[in-house]
Amino acid sequence: MSFADLGLSDELLKTVTDAGYTEPTPIQASAIPSVLMMRDIIGIAQTGTGKTASFVLPMIDILAQGRSRARMPRSLILEPTRELAAQVAENFEKYGANHKLSMALLIGGVSMGDQIKALEKGVDVLIATPGRLMDLFGRGNILLTGCSMLVIDEADRMLDMGFIPDIEDICTKLPKQRQTLLFSATMPPPIKKLADKFLENPKTIEVARAATTNANITQWVVPVAAQASEKRKRLRQVLQQEGMRTAIIFCNRKTTVRELNKSLKRHGFRSGEIHGDMEQPQRLAELDLFKRGDINILVASDVAARGLDIKGVSHVINFDAPWHPDDYVHRIGRTGRGGATGIAFTFVTPDDAENIANIEKLTGQKIAPLDLPAAAEEEDRPRRARRERPVREERPVRDDRPTENERPAAEAPGYREREDRRPPRDERRDRRPRRDDRDDGPDVGWNGPIPEFLMVSLNR
């Protein structure tokens, strides 16, 4: 099957062909015709299968007919993170090159004034995170009554981040007569309840069993010690293996991301970092460095685990075993994308046994352990090379020094001239100022004169 068999317009087909795509993925082949028929969709597919294009491509053709109005977007796409929203915006710019569609990106960490100006001009496609959208809606800068299409992407991630109440609130502000598309890698009960409430007679498309991992990814668990220094040594050992071209290293905490990135840089690795405490321009800059190849290792929190499409990632390393088994599926899905192969390592301490058991239960497969040779003994903080000091030449012994018997009397040990000695005791006593010569004021005491005020009292 080709893209021409899916019912897309000629302009869109030309754009897809120019982008280098010839055959649709299973989720695209199943979803695109149904979306063009204006049906509600529930799309369940593992990460890296092309879910984004399955709704972006038909939306471009649908929105090609019509006109946008100020502050009233015609369609809305909700994303859980800024990075995913920015990535969907890039897809719209790439595939909509032959269409005159306006777009606005509403995410945190950037100027709100520019976003308001874009809304006032009118947009066909609004891509937003729930928090920033609700903020602008509360300020009266946006109306959702003209929105005829809603896309909820990465719904299970929305659930993990606590956005489900916001999504329910947003759905009530949209017109009832609309087309709703919901995409998710997994389908937990709260997401199923959300779909039953806001989707009308949806078509369920499932191209892979929920919570399955990509068969093109080779998975290993690496037993490690619980100490951070030992884990970092093992990580450096893994990174120095042959075939390690690019890698994303996931940590559970943002502080661990920062510390690990500093450690890798100290040891000469070309690494960067991305986590939730960074400003949006910083996060995008780090991603650009990684995509361009200026750095080949990206240390990240779970903010980079969902939906980021970075081509050529050969390895994923879970420096910390994920707390939630669903996160494991999304993390390792950053490699093995688009039919390529990938390798995933998960470091396992003795305390991670339960987490690994939950992951294996969710995915339905056993992860084989990888026994690496013992890491070489080294300091976690590389020492500076010591400078070699030049060897001092031995000084020749002077043989012309006079012996004790040859020294003159004046140089003999213990000899001292008369005037060099301390003065006699009497002379030292005379040098001290006498008591009656001191200018200390009136002498008051037992041997001094009696003060006048005492004399007055005595005379009475």
Protein backbone atom coordinates (compact mmCIF):
# COMPACT_ATOMS: atom_id res chain seq x y z
CA MET A 1 0.00 0.00 0.00
CA SER A 2 1.18 3.53 -0.82
CA PHE A 3 0.13 6.95 0.47
CA ALA A 4 -1.76 7.49 -2.79
CA ASP A 5 -4.16 4.71 -1.75
CA LEU A 6 -5.17 6.55 1.44
CA GLY A 7 -7.16 9.35 -0.23
CA LEU A 8 -4.77 12.26 0.41
CA SER A 9 -4.65 15.24 -1.95
CA ASP A 10 -2.06 15.55 -4.69
CA GLU A 11 -0.38 18.51 -2.98
CA LEU A 12 0.01 16.55 0.21
CA LEU A 13 1.26 13.46 -1.60
CA LYS A 14 3.96 15.55 -3.26
CA THR A 15 5.08 16.84 0.12
CA VAL A 16 5.21 13.35 1.59
CA THR A 17 7.21 12.07 -1.37
CA ASP A 18 9.63 15.00 -1.12
CA ALA A 19 10.13 14.11 2.54
CA GLY A 20 11.31 10.64 1.47
CA TYR A 21 8.32 8.53 2.57
CA THR A 22 6.81 5.99 0.20
CA GLU A 23 4.81 3.52 2.28
CA PRO A 24 2.62 4.31 5.30
CA THR A 25 3.12 2.58 8.64
CA PRO A 26 0.32 0.30 9.92
CA ILE A 27 -1.16 2.98 12.18
CA GLN A 28 -1.10 5.50 9.32
CA ALA A 29 -2.68 3.08 6.84
CA SER A 30 -5.52 2.33 9.28
CA ALA A 31 -6.13 5.81 10.71
CA ILE A 32 -5.79 8.24 7.78
CA PRO A 33 -8.82 7.02 5.73
CA SER A 34 -11.03 6.98 8.84
CA VAL A 35 -9.97 10.50 9.84
CA LEU A 36 -10.72 11.76 6.30
CA MET A 37 -14.20 10.25 6.73
CA MET A 38 -14.63 12.50 9.83
CA ARG A 39 -14.88 9.61 12.29
CA ASP A 40 -13.75 9.71 15.90
CA ILE A 41 -10.64 7.60 16.42
CA ILE A 42 -8.96 5.78 19.28
CA GLY A 43 -5.45 4.92 18.13
CA ILE A 44 -3.36 2.52 20.21
CA ALA A 45 0.18 1.89 19.00
CA GLN A 46 3.58 1.55 20.53
CA THR A 47 5.85 4.55 20.37
CA GLY A 48 7.85 5.12 17.21
CA THR A 49 5.20 3.81 14.82
CA GLY A 50 4.29 7.11 13.17
CA LYS A 51 1.28 8.18 15.21
CA THR A 52 1.93 11.88 14.65
CA ALA A 53 1.68 11.68 10.86
CA SER A 54 -1.48 9.58 11.16
CA PHE A 55 -3.41 12.65 12.35
CA VAL A 56 -1.29 15.52 10.95
CA LEU A 57 -1.63 14.44 7.30
CA PRO A 58 -5.45 14.10 7.19
CA MET A 59 -5.90 17.27 9.28
CA ILE A 60 -4.02 19.30 6.65
CA ASP A 61 -6.37 18.13 3.90
CA ILE A 62 -9.48 18.71 6.05
CA LEU A 63 -8.42 22.21 7.11
CA ALA A 64 -7.46 23.21 3.56
CA GLN A 65 -11.12 24.13 3.10
CA GLY A 66 -12.24 27.01 5.28
CA ARG A 67 -11.02 30.25 6.81
CA SER A 68 -9.71 31.09 10.26
CA ARG A 69 -11.11 33.81 12.51
CA ALA A 70 -9.47 35.89 15.21
CA ARG A 71 -9.11 34.18 18.61
CA MET A 72 -11.11 31.20 17.35
CA PRO A 73 -8.85 28.33 16.23
CA ARG A 74 -10.38 25.80 13.88
CA SER A 75 -8.58 22.78 15.37
CA LEU A 76 -6.79 21.95 18.61
CA ILE A 77 -4.01 19.48 19.36
CA LEU A 78 -3.19 18.84 23.02
CA GLU A 79 0.29 17.58 23.95
CA PRO A 80 1.60 16.73 27.44
CA THR A 81 5.04 18.38 27.07
CA ARG A 82 6.60 21.37 25.31
CA GLU A 83 8.95 19.15 23.32
CA LEU A 84 6.10 17.08 21.89
CA ALA A 85 4.14 20.20 21.01
CA ALA A 86 7.15 21.70 19.24
CA GLN A 87 7.71 18.45 17.36
CA VAL A 88 4.11 18.34 16.11
CA ALA A 89 4.50 21.97 14.99
CA GLU A 90 7.57 20.95 12.97
CA ASN A 91 5.54 18.19 11.31
CA PHE A 92 2.83 20.66 10.32
CA GLU A 93 5.41 23.01 8.82
CA LYS A 94 7.03 20.17 6.87
CA TYR A 95 3.90 18.46 5.54
CA GLY A 96 1.90 21.66 5.07
CA ALA A 97 4.50 23.36 2.91
CA ASN A 98 2.13 23.40 -0.11
CA HIS A 99 -0.85 24.63 1.93
CA LYS A 100 -1.52 28.08 3.31
CA LEU A 101 -2.46 27.09 6.83
CA SER A 102 -1.74 29.26 9.86
CA MET A 103 -0.53 27.70 13.08
CA ALA A 104 0.11 28.80 16.67
CA LEU A 105 2.13 27.05 19.37
CA LEU A 106 1.01 27.64 22.97
CA ILE A 107 3.59 26.32 25.41
CA GLY A 108 5.18 27.56 28.60
CA GLY A 109 8.67 28.97 28.88
CA VAL A 110 8.27 31.41 25.96
CA SER A 111 6.77 34.87 25.53
CA MET A 112 3.01 34.96 26.00
CA GLY A 113 2.75 38.23 24.07
CA ASP A 114 3.81 36.64 20.78
CA GLN A 115 1.31 33.84 21.28
CA ILE A 116 -1.52 36.30 21.88
CA LYS A 117 -0.63 38.20 18.71
CA ALA A 118 -0.77 34.96 16.70
CA LEU A 119 -4.20 34.13 18.12
CA GLU A 120 -5.54 37.59 17.29
CA LYS A 121 -4.65 37.07 13.62
CA GLY A 122 -6.55 33.78 13.56
CA VAL A 123 -5.11 30.27 13.29
CA ASP A 124 -6.17 27.08 11.57
CA VAL A 125 -4.18 24.80 13.86
CA LEU A 126 -3.59 25.41 17.55
CA ILE A 127 -0.99 23.17 19.23
CA ALA A 128 -0.91 23.59 23.01
CA THR A 129 -0.08 22.15 26.38
CA PRO A 130 -3.06 22.10 28.76
CA GLY A 131 -1.54 24.52 31.30
CA ARG A 132 -0.79 27.38 28.91
CA LEU A 133 -4.09 26.89 27.07
CA MET A 134 -6.11 27.17 30.28
CA ASP A 135 -4.12 30.23 31.29
CA LEU A 136 -4.89 32.10 28.05
CA PHE A 137 -8.50 30.96 28.13
CA GLY A 138 -8.88 32.35 31.64
CA ARG A 139 -7.47 35.68 30.45
CA GLY A 140 -10.06 35.86 27.66
CA ASN A 141 -7.50 35.68 24.86
CA ILE A 142 -8.98 32.60 23.18
CA LEU A 143 -12.37 31.09 22.33
CA LEU A 144 -12.86 27.41 21.57
CA THR A 145 -16.41 27.57 20.21
CA GLY A 146 -15.18 27.44 16.60
CA CYS A 147 -12.96 24.39 17.06
CA SER A 148 -14.29 21.52 14.95
CA MET A 149 -11.44 19.02 15.50
CA LEU A 150 -9.70 17.93 18.72
CA VAL A 151 -6.65 15.71 19.01
CA ILE A 152 -5.55 14.34 22.38
CA ASP A 153 -2.06 12.95 21.90
CA GLU A 154 -0.15 10.75 24.37
CA ALA A 155 -3.23 10.40 26.54
CA ASP A 156 -1.58 8.00 28.99
CA ARG A 157 1.18 10.54 29.59
CA MET A 158 -1.51 13.15 30.23
CA LEU A 159 -2.84 10.84 32.90
CA ASP A 160 0.58 10.44 34.53
CA MET A 161 1.09 14.23 34.62
CA GLY A 162 -2.32 14.91 36.17
CA PHE A 163 -3.83 16.68 33.13
CA ILE A 164 -7.02 14.62 32.86
CA PRO A 165 -9.16 17.15 34.83
CA ASP A 166 -7.88 19.95 32.58
CA ILE A 167 -8.66 17.93 29.46
CA GLU A 168 -12.19 17.27 30.69
CA ASP A 169 -12.62 21.01 31.32
CA ILE A 170 -11.31 21.84 27.85
CA CYS A 171 -13.66 19.34 26.22
CA THR A 172 -16.66 21.03 27.82
CA LYS A 173 -15.64 24.35 26.23
CA LEU A 174 -15.56 22.86 22.72
CA PRO A 175 -18.67 22.46 20.54
CA LYS A 176 -20.41 19.11 20.94
CA GLN A 177 -20.44 18.55 17.19
CA ARG A 178 -16.75 17.94 16.54
CA GLN A 179 -14.32 15.25 15.51
CA THR A 180 -12.15 13.86 18.31
CA LEU A 181 -9.00 11.80 17.88
CA LEU A 182 -7.34 10.14 20.88
CA PHE A 183 -3.92 8.52 20.58
CA SER A 184 -2.10 6.63 23.27
CA ALA A 185 0.51 3.92 23.68
CA THR A 186 -1.48 2.27 26.49
CA MET A 187 -5.13 2.28 27.48
CA PRO A 188 -5.51 2.36 31.29
CA PRO A 189 -9.04 2.53 32.75
CA PRO A 190 -9.09 6.34 33.28
CA ILE A 191 -8.26 6.89 29.59
CA LYS A 192 -10.94 4.43 28.56
CA LYS A 193 -13.42 6.33 30.72
CA LEU A 194 -12.36 9.63 29.11
CA ALA A 195 -12.85 8.17 25.64
CA ASP A 196 -16.31 6.83 26.50
CA LYS A 197 -17.35 10.26 27.80
CA PHE A 198 -16.15 12.54 25.00
CA LEU A 199 -15.87 10.39 21.85
CA GLU A 200 -18.88 9.42 19.77
CA ASN A 201 -18.91 5.94 18.26
CA PRO A 202 -15.12 5.88 17.87
CA LYS A 203 -13.21 3.47 15.68
CA THR A 204 -10.51 1.68 17.66
CA ILE A 205 -7.28 1.07 15.78
CA GLU A 206 -4.72 -1.10 17.53
CA VAL A 207 -1.66 -2.10 15.55
CA ALA A 208 0.20 -3.62 18.48
CA ARG A 209 -0.79 -5.09 21.81
CA ALA A 210 -0.93 -2.41 24.49
CA ALA A 211 2.36 -1.89 26.36
CA THR A 212 4.46 -4.01 23.99
CA THR A 213 8.01 -3.04 23.12
CA ASN A 214 9.51 -2.74 19.66
CA ALA A 215 10.77 -6.10 18.40
CA ASN A 216 13.72 -4.33 16.73
CA ILE A 217 15.14 -3.30 20.13
CA THR A 218 17.55 -5.67 21.89
CA GLN A 219 17.02 -5.33 25.64
CA TRP A 220 19.46 -6.05 28.46
CA VAL A 221 19.52 -5.57 32.20
CA VAL A 222 22.92 -4.76 33.68
CA PRO A 223 23.44 -5.63 37.38
CA VAL A 224 25.19 -2.76 39.17
CA ALA A 225 26.01 -1.73 42.72
CA ALA A 226 23.79 0.77 44.48
CA GLN A 227 26.59 3.31 44.99
CA ALA A 228 26.43 6.21 42.54
CA SER A 229 30.17 6.13 41.87
CA GLU A 230 30.03 2.44 40.93
CA LYS A 231 27.05 3.03 38.62
CA ARG A 232 28.93 5.84 36.86
CA LYS A 233 31.96 3.58 36.35
CA ARG A 234 29.72 0.92 34.80
CA LEU A 235 28.07 3.54 32.60
CA ARG A 236 31.41 4.72 31.25
CA GLN A 237 32.28 1.11 30.51
CA VAL A 238 29.05 0.66 28.51
CA LEU A 239 29.55 3.93 26.62
CA GLN A 240 33.01 2.82 25.49
CA GLN A 241 31.67 -0.28 23.73
CA GLU A 242 31.95 -0.63 19.97
CA GLY A 243 28.93 0.52 18.00
CA MET A 244 27.94 3.16 20.56
CA ARG A 245 27.22 6.05 18.20
CA THR A 246 24.50 8.06 19.96
CA ALA A 247 22.78 7.39 23.26
CA ILE A 248 20.03 8.82 25.46
CA ILE A 249 20.56 8.18 29.17
CA PHE A 250 17.46 8.37 31.36
CA CYS A 251 17.47 9.23 35.07
CA ASN A 252 14.59 9.38 37.53
CA ARG A 253 15.61 12.67 39.17
CA LYS A 254 16.62 16.02 37.72
CA THR A 255 19.49 16.35 40.19
CA THR A 256 20.88 13.02 38.94
CA VAL A 257 20.69 14.33 35.36
CA ARG A 258 22.81 17.37 36.23
CA GLU A 259 25.38 15.44 38.27
CA LEU A 260 25.75 12.67 35.71
CA ASN A 261 26.23 15.09 32.83
CA LYS A 262 28.98 16.89 34.74
CA SER A 263 30.68 13.57 35.49
CA LEU A 264 30.60 12.50 31.83
CA LYS A 265 32.03 15.82 30.68
CA ARG A 266 34.87 15.53 33.19
CA HIS A 267 35.77 12.19 31.64
CA GLY A 268 35.86 13.57 28.12
CA PHE A 269 32.44 12.54 26.76
CA ARG A 270 30.47 14.85 24.46
CA SER A 271 27.29 14.98 26.51
CA GLY A 272 24.39 17.34 27.18
CA GLU A 273 21.34 17.37 29.43
CA ILE A 274 17.63 18.05 29.32
CA HIS A 275 15.17 18.17 32.22
CA GLY A 276 12.12 20.01 33.46
CA ASP A 277 13.97 22.76 35.37
CA MET A 278 15.55 24.13 32.19
CA GLU A 279 13.99 27.02 30.29
CA GLN A 280 12.39 26.12 26.98
CA PRO A 281 15.09 27.82 24.81
CA GLN A 282 17.77 25.86 26.69
CA ARG A 283 15.96 22.57 26.19
CA LEU A 284 15.48 23.19 22.47
CA ALA A 285 19.13 24.22 22.13
CA GLU A 286 20.33 20.98 23.74
CA LEU A 287 18.07 18.93 21.47
CA ASP A 288 19.42 20.76 18.41
CA LEU A 289 23.00 20.00 19.49
CA PHE A 290 22.10 16.34 19.82
CA LYS A 291 20.30 16.19 16.48
CA ARG A 292 23.19 17.91 14.68
CA GLY A 293 25.74 15.57 16.21
CA ASP A 294 27.64 18.24 18.16
CA ILE A 295 27.01 16.01 21.18
CA ASN A 296 26.34 12.29 20.95
CA ILE A 297 25.10 11.61 24.49
CA LEU A 298 21.97 13.19 25.96
CA VAL A 299 21.29 12.75 29.68
CA ALA A 300 17.56 13.26 30.25
CA SER A 301 14.69 12.96 32.64
CA ASP A 302 11.34 11.52 31.53
CA VAL A 303 10.54 14.83 29.85
CA ALA A 304 12.31 13.32 26.80
CA ALA A 305 10.77 9.86 27.09
CA ARG A 306 7.57 10.50 25.18
CA GLY A 307 7.21 11.02 21.46
CA LEU A 308 10.52 12.72 20.67
CA ASP A 309 11.48 11.61 17.18
CA ILE A 310 15.27 11.81 16.95
CA LYS A 311 16.66 9.75 14.12
CA GLY A 312 19.74 7.60 14.50
CA VAL A 313 19.68 6.97 18.25
CA SER A 314 21.57 3.69 18.53
CA HIS A 315 21.31 3.11 22.29
CA VAL A 316 19.06 3.93 25.23
CA ILE A 317 20.44 3.50 28.74
CA ASN A 318 18.24 3.54 31.82
CA PHE A 319 20.74 4.76 34.40
CA ASP A 320 17.86 4.49 36.88
CA ALA A 321 15.29 1.75 36.45
CA PRO A 322 11.95 3.54 35.83
CA TRP A 323 9.48 3.65 38.69
CA HIS A 324 6.48 3.13 36.39
CA PRO A 325 6.57 0.21 33.94
CA ASP A 326 4.85 2.27 31.22
CA ASP A 327 7.80 4.68 31.25
CA TYR A 328 10.11 1.81 30.30
CA VAL A 329 8.18 1.26 27.06
CA HIS A 330 8.42 4.92 26.14
CA ARG A 331 12.06 5.34 27.14
CA ILE A 332 13.46 2.51 25.07
CA GLY A 333 11.19 3.59 22.21
CA ARG A 334 13.61 6.47 21.50
CA THR A 335 15.75 3.92 19.65
CA GLY A 336 14.75 1.43 16.95
CA ARG A 337 12.51 3.99 15.24
CA GLY A 338 11.33 3.81 11.65
CA GLY A 339 12.28 0.15 11.22
CA ALA A 340 15.85 0.59 12.48
CA THR A 341 17.41 -1.60 15.15
CA GLY A 342 18.44 -0.41 18.60
CA ILE A 343 19.86 -1.55 21.93
CA ALA A 344 18.52 -0.74 25.40
CA PHE A 345 20.40 -1.21 28.69
CA THR A 346 18.75 -0.93 32.09
CA PHE A 347 20.96 -0.65 35.17
CA VAL A 348 19.53 -2.74 38.00
CA THR A 349 20.53 -2.42 41.64
CA PRO A 350 19.43 -4.91 44.30
CA ASP A 351 16.59 -2.50 45.20
CA ASP A 352 15.20 -2.50 41.63
CA ALA A 353 14.02 -6.12 41.57
CA GLU A 354 10.36 -5.16 42.00
CA ASN A 355 10.51 -2.49 39.26
CA ILE A 356 11.99 -4.96 36.77
CA ALA A 357 9.39 -7.57 37.70
CA ASN A 358 6.60 -5.06 36.99
CA ILE A 359 8.16 -4.16 33.63
CA GLU A 360 8.41 -7.81 32.60
CA LYS A 361 4.83 -8.39 33.71
CA LEU A 362 3.58 -5.43 31.66
CA THR A 363 5.50 -6.26 28.49
CA GLY A 364 5.07 -10.01 28.81
CA GLN A 365 8.70 -10.80 28.14
CA LYS A 366 11.78 -11.65 30.15
CA ILE A 367 14.74 -9.24 29.88
CA ALA A 368 18.04 -11.10 29.72
CA PRO A 369 20.88 -10.05 32.06
CA LEU A 370 24.17 -8.88 30.57
CA ASP A 371 27.33 -9.79 32.46
CA LEU A 372 29.99 -7.24 31.67
CA PRO A 373 33.62 -7.69 32.76
CA ALA A 374 34.57 -5.94 35.96
CA ALA A 375 35.15 -2.24 35.47
CA ALA A 376 38.73 -1.10 35.75
CA GLU A 377 39.66 0.53 39.03
CA GLU A 378 39.64 4.29 38.56
CA GLU A 379 38.78 7.42 40.42
CA ASP A 380 35.36 8.85 39.69
CA ARG A 381 36.95 12.30 39.46
CA PRO A 382 39.96 12.11 37.18
CA ARG A 383 43.11 13.39 38.79
CA ARG A 384 45.24 15.97 37.12
CA ALA A 385 48.51 14.66 35.81
CA ARG A 386 51.33 15.47 38.15
CA ARG A 387 54.05 17.63 36.78
CA GLU A 388 57.43 15.92 36.76
CA ARG A 389 59.82 17.99 38.77
CA PRO A 390 63.36 18.26 37.45
CA VAL A 391 65.89 16.32 39.46
CA ARG A 392 68.03 18.65 41.50
CA GLU A 393 71.74 18.35 41.02
CA GLU A 394 73.66 17.47 44.14
CA ARG A 395 75.71 20.36 45.41
CA PRO A 396 79.38 19.65 45.81
CA VAL A 397 80.65 19.49 49.38
CA ARG A 398 82.86 22.44 50.24
CA ASP A 399 86.22 21.24 51.39
CA ASP A 400 87.66 24.72 52.00
CA ARG A 401 85.70 25.35 55.20
CA PRO A 402 87.97 25.82 58.27
CA THR A 403 87.72 23.21 60.95
CA GLU A 404 86.93 24.00 64.58
CA ASN A 405 90.62 24.19 65.43
CA GLU A 406 91.36 26.45 62.47
CA ARG A 407 88.66 29.04 63.27
CA PRO A 408 89.76 32.30 64.94
CA ALA A 409 88.65 32.92 68.45
CA ALA A 410 86.07 35.45 67.30
CA GLU A 411 84.31 32.74 65.23
CA ALA A 412 84.53 30.01 67.81
CA PRO A 413 81.16 28.69 69.00
CA GLY A 414 79.88 30.38 72.15
CA TYR A 415 82.14 33.43 71.77
CA ARG A 416 80.51 36.81 72.13
CA GLU A 417 82.02 40.27 72.35
CA ARG A 418 81.55 42.23 75.56
CA GLU A 419 79.40 44.89 73.93
CA ASP A 420 77.18 42.21 72.38
CA ARG A 421 76.26 40.77 75.73
CA ARG A 422 73.29 41.91 77.72
CA PRO A 423 74.08 44.90 79.96
CA PRO A 424 74.64 44.32 83.67
CA ARG A 425 71.65 43.96 85.91
CA ASP A 426 72.15 47.39 87.48
CA GLU A 427 72.32 49.10 84.10
CA ARG A 428 69.13 47.39 82.97
CA ARG A 429 67.40 48.54 86.16
CA ASP A 430 68.54 52.14 85.63
CA ARG A 431 67.12 52.21 82.10
CA ARG A 432 63.59 51.69 83.43
CA PRO A 433 61.77 54.95 84.21
CA ARG A 434 61.40 55.65 87.87
CA ARG A 435 57.95 55.83 89.38
CA ASP A 436 58.24 59.48 90.44
CA ASP A 437 59.45 60.47 86.95
CA ARG A 438 56.34 59.18 85.22
CA ASP A 439 53.72 61.63 84.01
CA ASP A 440 50.79 59.56 85.27
CA GLY A 441 48.86 62.40 86.95
CA PRO A 442 48.46 62.94 90.70
CA ASP A 443 49.79 60.15 92.82
CA VAL A 444 46.89 58.81 94.83
CA GLY A 445 47.46 56.00 97.25
CA TRP A 446 48.75 55.12 100.72
CA ASN A 447 52.07 56.98 100.24
CA GLY A 448 50.71 59.98 98.28
CA PRO A 449 49.09 63.27 99.33
CA ILE A 450 45.55 63.17 100.67
CA PRO A 451 42.94 64.57 98.24
CA GLU A 452 41.23 67.82 99.22
CA PHE A 453 37.70 66.35 99.35
CA LEU A 454 38.91 63.95 102.03
CA MET A 455 40.56 66.77 103.95
CA VAL A 456 37.29 68.70 104.01
CA SER A 457 35.49 65.79 105.62
CA LEU A 458 38.28 65.33 108.16
CA ASN A 459 38.29 69.03 109.15
CA ARG A 460 34.58 68.83 109.97
